[in-house]
Protein backbone atom coordinates (compact mmCIF):
# COMPACT_ATOMS: atom_id res chain seq x y z
CA UNK A 1 4.57 -11.36 14.01
CA UNK A 2 3.60 -14.97 14.71
CA UNK A 3 -0.03 -14.41 13.66
CA UNK A 4 0.84 -12.89 10.26
CA UNK A 5 -0.27 -15.92 8.16
CA UNK A 6 -3.65 -15.95 9.92
CA UNK A 7 -4.01 -12.19 9.47
CA UNK A 8 -3.15 -12.50 5.77
CA UNK A 9 -5.70 -15.31 5.27
CA UNK A 10 -8.33 -13.16 6.97
CA UNK A 11 -7.56 -10.19 4.69
CA UNK A 12 -7.56 -12.39 1.58
CA UNK A 13 -10.96 -13.84 2.46
CA UNK A 14 -12.33 -10.34 3.05
CA UNK A 15 -10.91 -8.83 -0.14
CA UNK A 16 -11.04 -11.88 -2.40
CA UNK A 17 -7.59 -11.05 -3.74
CA UNK A 18 -4.17 -12.06 -2.40
CA UNK A 19 -2.36 -8.90 -3.49
CA UNK A 20 -5.05 -6.59 -2.17
CA UNK A 21 -5.16 -8.57 1.07
CA UNK A 22 -1.41 -8.14 1.43
CA UNK A 23 -1.75 -4.41 0.73
CA UNK A 24 -4.43 -4.07 3.40
CA UNK A 25 -2.34 -5.97 5.97
CA UNK A 26 0.77 -3.99 5.11
CA UNK A 27 -1.07 -0.69 5.54
CA UNK A 28 -2.57 -1.83 8.84
CA UNK A 29 0.71 -3.14 10.24
CA UNK A 30 2.47 0.11 9.33
CA UNK A 31 -0.16 2.08 11.26
CA UNK A 32 -0.18 -0.46 14.10
CA UNK A 33 3.56 -0.12 14.55
CA UNK A 34 3.16 3.59 15.20
CA UNK A 35 0.49 2.90 17.84
CA UNK A 36 1.91 -0.36 19.20
CA UNK A 37 2.34 0.84 22.79
CA UNK A 38 -1.39 1.60 23.00
CA UNK A 39 -2.41 -1.52 21.03
CA UNK A 40 -0.30 -3.82 23.19
CA UNK A 41 -2.11 -2.56 26.29
CA UNK A 42 -5.49 -3.63 24.87
CA UNK A 43 -7.20 -6.75 26.21
CA UNK A 44 -6.54 -8.54 22.93
CA UNK A 45 -3.98 -6.90 20.63
CA UNK A 46 -4.68 -9.49 17.93
CA UNK A 47 -8.41 -8.68 17.93
CA UNK A 48 -7.54 -4.98 17.76
CA UNK A 49 -5.34 -5.52 14.69
CA UNK A 50 -7.97 -7.76 13.05
CA UNK A 51 -10.51 -4.97 13.54
CA UNK A 52 -8.05 -2.55 11.93
CA UNK A 53 -7.90 -4.93 8.93
CA UNK A 54 -11.70 -5.04 8.75
CA UNK A 55 -11.95 -1.25 8.92
CA UNK A 56 -9.26 -0.84 6.26
CA UNK A 57 -11.13 -3.26 3.99
CA UNK A 58 -14.46 -1.48 4.55
CA UNK A 59 -12.93 1.90 3.75
CA UNK A 60 -10.84 0.76 0.80
CA UNK A 61 -11.31 3.24 -2.04
CA UNK A 62 -10.09 1.33 -5.07
CA UNK A 63 -13.30 0.41 -6.87
CA UNK A 64 -11.60 -2.26 -9.00
CA UNK A 65 -10.55 -4.09 -5.87
CA UNK A 66 -14.10 -4.54 -4.63
CA UNK A 67 -15.28 -6.51 -7.64
CA UNK A 68 -12.05 -8.06 -8.94
CA UNK A 69 -11.90 -11.53 -7.39
CA UNK A 70 -9.32 -13.99 -8.69
CA UNK A 71 -10.48 -17.58 -8.31
CA UNK A 72 -7.45 -19.16 -10.02
CA UNK A 73 -4.68 -19.79 -7.54
CA UNK A 74 -6.62 -18.09 -4.77
CA UNK A 75 -9.21 -20.56 -3.65
CA UNK A 76 -11.00 -20.59 -0.34
CA UNK A 77 -10.23 -24.30 -0.07
CA UNK A 78 -6.49 -23.50 -0.32
CA UNK A 79 -6.76 -20.90 2.43
CA UNK A 80 -8.10 -23.17 5.12
CA UNK A 81 -8.37 -26.81 4.03
CA UNK A 82 -7.66 -28.13 7.51
CA UNK A 83 -10.34 -26.00 9.13
CA UNK A 84 -12.96 -26.94 6.53
CA UNK A 85 -12.15 -30.69 6.38
CA UNK A 86 -11.89 -31.06 2.59
CA UNK A 87 -13.17 -34.40 1.27
CA UNK A 88 -12.54 -34.34 -2.47
CA UNK A 89 -10.08 -31.73 -3.68
CA UNK A 90 -11.57 -31.42 -7.18
CA UNK A 91 -15.07 -30.84 -5.82
CA UNK A 92 -13.79 -28.35 -3.26
CA UNK A 93 -11.93 -26.38 -5.95
CA UNK A 94 -15.05 -26.13 -8.12
CA UNK A 95 -17.17 -25.15 -5.11
CA UNK A 96 -14.58 -22.60 -3.93
CA UNK A 97 -14.31 -21.01 -7.38
CA UNK A 98 -18.09 -20.68 -7.57
CA UNK A 99 -18.16 -19.23 -4.05
CA UNK A 100 -15.48 -16.63 -4.90
CA UNK A 101 -17.48 -15.56 -7.93
CA UNK A 102 -20.69 -15.26 -5.89
CA UNK A 103 -18.93 -13.35 -3.10
CA UNK A 104 -17.67 -10.83 -5.66
CA UNK A 105 -21.27 -9.75 -6.28
CA UNK A 106 -21.79 -8.63 -2.67
CA UNK A 107 -21.30 -5.21 -1.18
CA UNK A 108 -18.49 -4.74 1.34
CA UNK A 109 -20.62 -4.88 4.48
CA UNK A 110 -22.56 -7.93 3.33
CA UNK A 111 -19.33 -9.71 2.47
CA UNK A 112 -17.76 -8.64 5.77
CA UNK A 113 -20.76 -10.02 7.68
CA UNK A 114 -20.46 -13.40 5.96
CA UNK A 115 -16.70 -13.56 6.51
CA UNK A 116 -17.05 -12.60 10.16
CA UNK A 117 -19.90 -15.05 10.70
CA UNK A 118 -18.66 -18.10 8.81
CA UNK A 119 -14.88 -17.68 8.58
CA UNK A 120 -14.21 -15.96 11.90
CA UNK A 121 -17.11 -17.78 13.65
CA UNK A 122 -18.38 -14.63 15.39
CA UNK A 123 -21.94 -14.21 16.60
CA UNK A 124 -24.24 -11.37 15.53
CA UNK A 125 -23.53 -9.27 18.63
CA UNK A 126 -19.75 -9.47 18.07
CA UNK A 127 -20.17 -8.61 14.39
CA UNK A 128 -22.45 -5.70 15.24
CA UNK A 129 -19.82 -4.38 17.65
CA UNK A 130 -17.11 -4.61 14.99
CA UNK A 131 -19.23 -2.95 12.31
CA UNK A 132 -20.78 -0.34 14.59
CA UNK A 133 -24.36 -1.37 13.93
CA UNK A 134 -27.13 -3.36 15.60
CA UNK A 135 -27.42 -7.17 15.59
CA UNK A 136 -30.63 -6.76 13.56
CA UNK A 137 -28.64 -4.92 10.87
CA UNK A 138 -26.10 -7.76 10.87
CA UNK A 139 -28.88 -10.29 10.37
CA UNK A 140 -30.33 -8.14 7.59
CA UNK A 141 -26.95 -7.92 5.82
CA UNK A 142 -26.50 -11.69 6.18
CA UNK A 143 -29.99 -12.43 4.90
CA UNK A 144 -29.62 -10.17 1.89
CA UNK A 145 -26.15 -11.52 1.15
CA UNK A 146 -27.32 -15.13 1.26
CA UNK A 147 -30.31 -14.27 -0.93
CA UNK A 148 -28.01 -12.54 -3.42
CA UNK A 149 -25.66 -15.46 -3.50
CA UNK A 150 -28.42 -17.94 -4.32
CA UNK A 151 -26.28 -20.63 -2.80
CA UNK A 152 -26.39 -24.24 -3.86
CA UNK A 153 -28.58 -26.49 -1.69
CA UNK A 154 -25.49 -28.29 -0.30
CA UNK A 155 -23.83 -25.06 0.81
CA UNK A 156 -27.10 -23.65 2.17
CA UNK A 157 -27.52 -26.82 4.26
CA UNK A 158 -24.01 -26.41 5.73
CA UNK A 159 -24.68 -22.76 6.59
CA UNK A 160 -27.97 -23.56 8.32
CA UNK A 161 -26.26 -26.32 10.29
CA UNK A 162 -23.60 -23.80 11.46
CA UNK A 163 -26.27 -21.27 12.45
CA UNK A 164 -28.04 -23.84 14.64
CA UNK A 165 -24.87 -24.83 16.51
């Protein structure tokens, strides 16, 4: 699968753990293979599989996996440096480690909303469709998540700039 690295990055950002992300993707791809004829007929098979990854993450039952985020060797800056335009590697590593730790405090849906909004660049209506809720619920999850995170002023400024564009 040509999109496997992207799918793995997506799962790692959702789960906060490389091994768990790989487990989620492996489980999803095993199920997708059994249904591939139907999936391949969808408008966007990649979007279908990504949604399967999201659903698998949201239904994951291992409680240790929800809160166990490994910042060392698994930094957000390492996952997507090119997309984020890293300026100073040392600063980005410190910021990414702090972000991983803050993300670990969120519930699954709040974390999923932030990943879908800021990593996947989806709007509230698209996120609501994926999560099976209303756009107002998405905004509520995002608001509560950002409040919980108590983000640094620099990061908060970047998020508000993304929301306006």
